[in-house]
């Protein structure tokens, strides 16, 4: 993921983050805040490691250190 791709992904969520200021309940604010950042984190992770597999239960090691420990 390039710096520009990251900035574009974060910019897509900027309006959502600003709308949080309209919420008066801290619980709602916090839960939406976490959802937005988890969504951004998932997008960044997927772009950095590749396209995720179809089976969410199966994880493949992407780091050489993990593969060598088997």
N, C-alpha and C. Protein backbone atom coordinates (compact mmCIF):
# COMPACT_ATOMS: atom_id res chain seq x y z
N UNK A 1 0.86 -1.17 0.00
CA UNK A 1 0.00 0.00 0.00
C UNK A 1 0.90 1.23 0.00
N UNK A 2 0.60 2.12 -0.89
CA UNK A 2 1.37 3.35 -0.96
C UNK A 2 0.81 4.38 0.02
N UNK A 3 1.58 5.41 0.24
CA UNK A 3 1.13 6.48 1.14
C UNK A 3 -0.15 7.11 0.60
N UNK A 4 -0.21 7.29 -0.71
CA UNK A 4 -1.39 7.90 -1.32
C UNK A 4 -2.62 7.01 -1.16
N UNK A 5 -2.46 5.70 -1.30
CA UNK A 5 -3.57 4.78 -1.11
C UNK A 5 -4.09 4.84 0.32
N UNK A 6 -3.16 4.94 1.27
CA UNK A 6 -3.57 5.05 2.67
C UNK A 6 -4.33 6.35 2.91
N UNK A 7 -3.80 7.45 2.39
CA UNK A 7 -4.46 8.74 2.57
C UNK A 7 -5.85 8.75 1.93
N UNK A 8 -5.99 8.11 0.78
CA UNK A 8 -7.30 8.02 0.13
C UNK A 8 -8.28 7.22 0.99
N UNK A 9 -7.81 6.11 1.55
CA UNK A 9 -8.67 5.27 2.40
C UNK A 9 -9.09 6.03 3.65
N UNK A 10 -8.16 6.76 4.26
CA UNK A 10 -8.48 7.54 5.46
C UNK A 10 -9.43 8.69 5.11
N UNK A 11 -9.22 9.30 3.97
CA UNK A 11 -10.07 10.43 3.55
C UNK A 11 -11.52 9.97 3.33
N UNK A 12 -11.69 8.74 2.86
CA UNK A 12 -13.06 8.22 2.67
C UNK A 12 -13.82 8.16 3.98
N UNK A 13 -13.11 8.03 5.09
CA UNK A 13 -13.75 7.89 6.39
C UNK A 13 -13.80 9.19 7.18
N UNK A 14 -13.23 10.26 6.64
CA UNK A 14 -13.17 11.52 7.36
C UNK A 14 -14.57 12.06 7.69
N UNK A 15 -15.47 12.04 6.73
CA UNK A 15 -16.83 12.54 6.98
C UNK A 15 -17.54 11.73 8.06
N UNK A 16 -17.31 10.41 8.05
CA UNK A 16 -17.91 9.57 9.10
C UNK A 16 -17.38 9.97 10.48
N UNK A 17 -16.09 10.22 10.56
CA UNK A 17 -15.50 10.64 11.83
C UNK A 17 -16.04 11.98 12.28
N UNK A 18 -16.26 12.89 11.37
CA UNK A 18 -16.80 14.20 11.72
C UNK A 18 -18.25 14.11 12.19
N UNK A 19 -19.02 13.18 11.60
CA UNK A 19 -20.41 13.00 12.02
C UNK A 19 -20.52 12.48 13.45
N UNK A 20 -19.47 11.86 13.94
CA UNK A 20 -19.47 11.37 15.31
C UNK A 20 -19.65 12.51 16.31
N UNK A 21 -19.21 13.70 15.93
CA UNK A 21 -19.33 14.85 16.84
C UNK A 21 -20.78 15.24 17.09
N UNK A 22 -21.69 14.75 16.27
CA UNK A 22 -23.11 15.04 16.46
C UNK A 22 -23.75 14.13 17.51
N UNK A 23 -23.09 13.04 17.84
CA UNK A 23 -23.62 12.10 18.81
C UNK A 23 -23.45 12.64 20.23
N UNK A 24 -24.45 12.45 21.04
CA UNK A 24 -24.38 12.92 22.43
C UNK A 24 -24.10 11.80 23.41
N UNK A 25 -24.32 10.57 23.01
CA UNK A 25 -24.09 9.41 23.87
C UNK A 25 -22.66 8.90 23.63
N UNK A 26 -21.86 8.89 24.70
CA UNK A 26 -20.46 8.48 24.56
C UNK A 26 -20.33 7.03 24.11
N UNK A 27 -21.21 6.16 24.56
CA UNK A 27 -21.15 4.75 24.16
C UNK A 27 -21.32 4.63 22.65
N UNK A 28 -22.29 5.33 22.08
CA UNK A 28 -22.50 5.30 20.63
C UNK A 28 -21.29 5.88 19.90
N UNK A 29 -20.75 6.98 20.44
CA UNK A 29 -19.57 7.59 19.84
C UNK A 29 -18.42 6.60 19.80
N UNK A 30 -18.16 5.97 20.94
CA UNK A 30 -17.04 5.05 21.04
C UNK A 30 -17.22 3.84 20.12
N UNK A 31 -18.39 3.26 20.10
CA UNK A 31 -18.61 2.06 19.28
C UNK A 31 -18.49 2.38 17.79
N UNK A 32 -18.99 3.53 17.36
CA UNK A 32 -18.86 3.92 15.95
C UNK A 32 -17.41 4.26 15.61
N UNK A 33 -16.73 4.92 16.54
CA UNK A 33 -15.32 5.26 16.34
C UNK A 33 -14.50 3.99 16.13
N UNK A 34 -14.72 3.01 16.98
CA UNK A 34 -14.00 1.74 16.88
C UNK A 34 -14.32 1.05 15.56
N UNK A 35 -15.58 1.06 15.16
CA UNK A 35 -15.98 0.42 13.90
C UNK A 35 -15.26 1.06 12.71
N UNK A 36 -15.21 2.39 12.69
CA UNK A 36 -14.57 3.10 11.58
C UNK A 36 -13.09 2.75 11.50
N UNK A 37 -12.40 2.78 12.65
CA UNK A 37 -10.96 2.51 12.64
C UNK A 37 -10.66 1.04 12.37
N UNK A 38 -11.52 0.12 12.81
CA UNK A 38 -11.31 -1.29 12.49
C UNK A 38 -11.48 -1.52 10.99
N UNK A 39 -12.44 -0.84 10.40
CA UNK A 39 -12.66 -0.95 8.96
C UNK A 39 -11.44 -0.44 8.20
N UNK A 40 -10.91 0.70 8.62
CA UNK A 40 -9.71 1.24 7.98
C UNK A 40 -8.53 0.29 8.19
N UNK A 41 -8.36 -0.21 9.39
CA UNK A 41 -7.27 -1.14 9.68
C UNK A 41 -7.36 -2.41 8.85
N UNK A 42 -8.57 -2.93 8.70
CA UNK A 42 -8.76 -4.14 7.88
C UNK A 42 -8.36 -3.87 6.44
N UNK A 43 -8.76 -2.71 5.91
CA UNK A 43 -8.42 -2.37 4.52
C UNK A 43 -6.91 -2.24 4.35
N UNK A 44 -6.25 -1.59 5.28
CA UNK A 44 -4.80 -1.43 5.21
C UNK A 44 -4.11 -2.78 5.30
N UNK A 45 -4.52 -3.61 6.24
CA UNK A 45 -3.92 -4.94 6.40
C UNK A 45 -4.10 -5.77 5.14
N UNK A 46 -5.29 -5.80 4.58
CA UNK A 46 -5.54 -6.60 3.40
C UNK A 46 -4.72 -6.12 2.22
N UNK A 47 -4.58 -4.82 2.06
CA UNK A 47 -3.78 -4.31 0.94
C UNK A 47 -2.30 -4.60 1.14
N UNK A 48 -1.85 -4.63 2.39
CA UNK A 48 -0.44 -4.87 2.65
C UNK A 48 -0.05 -6.34 2.54
N UNK A 49 -0.94 -7.25 2.88
CA UNK A 49 -0.55 -8.67 2.86
C UNK A 49 -1.07 -9.43 1.65
N UNK A 50 -2.02 -8.89 0.93
CA UNK A 50 -2.59 -9.48 -0.27
C UNK A 50 -4.09 -9.62 -0.12
N UNK A 51 -4.69 -10.25 -1.06
CA UNK A 51 -6.13 -10.47 -1.03
C UNK A 51 -6.45 -11.58 -0.04
N UNK A 52 -7.41 -11.37 0.85
CA UNK A 52 -7.74 -12.41 1.82
C UNK A 52 -8.36 -13.63 1.15
N UNK A 53 -8.15 -14.80 1.76
CA UNK A 53 -8.73 -16.02 1.22
C UNK A 53 -10.22 -16.09 1.47
N UNK A 54 -10.88 -17.05 0.84
CA UNK A 54 -12.32 -17.21 0.99
C UNK A 54 -12.69 -17.84 2.33
N UNK A 55 -11.83 -18.71 2.84
CA UNK A 55 -12.09 -19.40 4.09
C UNK A 55 -11.48 -18.58 5.23
N UNK A 56 -12.32 -17.92 6.01
CA UNK A 56 -11.82 -17.04 7.07
C UNK A 56 -11.21 -17.82 8.23
N UNK A 57 -11.47 -19.12 8.31
CA UNK A 57 -10.90 -19.93 9.39
C UNK A 57 -9.45 -20.30 9.12
N UNK A 58 -9.05 -20.32 7.87
CA UNK A 58 -7.71 -20.75 7.51
C UNK A 58 -6.80 -19.53 7.38
N UNK A 59 -5.72 -19.53 8.15
CA UNK A 59 -4.76 -18.44 8.09
C UNK A 59 -3.44 -18.98 7.55
N UNK A 60 -2.85 -18.24 6.65
CA UNK A 60 -1.58 -18.63 6.08
C UNK A 60 -0.51 -17.69 6.60
N UNK A 61 0.64 -18.22 6.98
CA UNK A 61 1.72 -17.34 7.44
C UNK A 61 2.29 -16.55 6.28
N UNK A 62 2.45 -15.27 6.48
CA UNK A 62 3.00 -14.39 5.45
C UNK A 62 4.40 -13.93 5.81
N UNK A 63 4.89 -14.38 6.94
CA UNK A 63 6.19 -13.96 7.44
C UNK A 63 7.12 -15.17 7.43
N UNK A 64 8.33 -14.99 6.94
CA UNK A 64 9.28 -16.10 6.84
C UNK A 64 9.59 -16.71 8.20
N UNK A 65 9.59 -15.90 9.25
CA UNK A 65 9.87 -16.43 10.60
C UNK A 65 8.80 -17.43 11.01
N UNK A 66 7.56 -17.18 10.66
CA UNK A 66 6.47 -18.09 11.03
C UNK A 66 6.62 -19.39 10.27
N UNK A 67 6.93 -19.32 8.97
CA UNK A 67 7.05 -20.54 8.15
C UNK A 67 8.21 -21.40 8.62
N UNK A 68 9.29 -20.81 9.08
CA UNK A 68 10.46 -21.57 9.50
C UNK A 68 10.29 -22.26 10.83
N UNK A 69 9.32 -21.83 11.64
CA UNK A 69 9.10 -22.43 12.96
C UNK A 69 8.27 -23.70 12.91
N UNK A 70 7.75 -24.06 11.79
CA UNK A 70 6.90 -25.25 11.69
C UNK A 70 7.70 -26.52 11.67
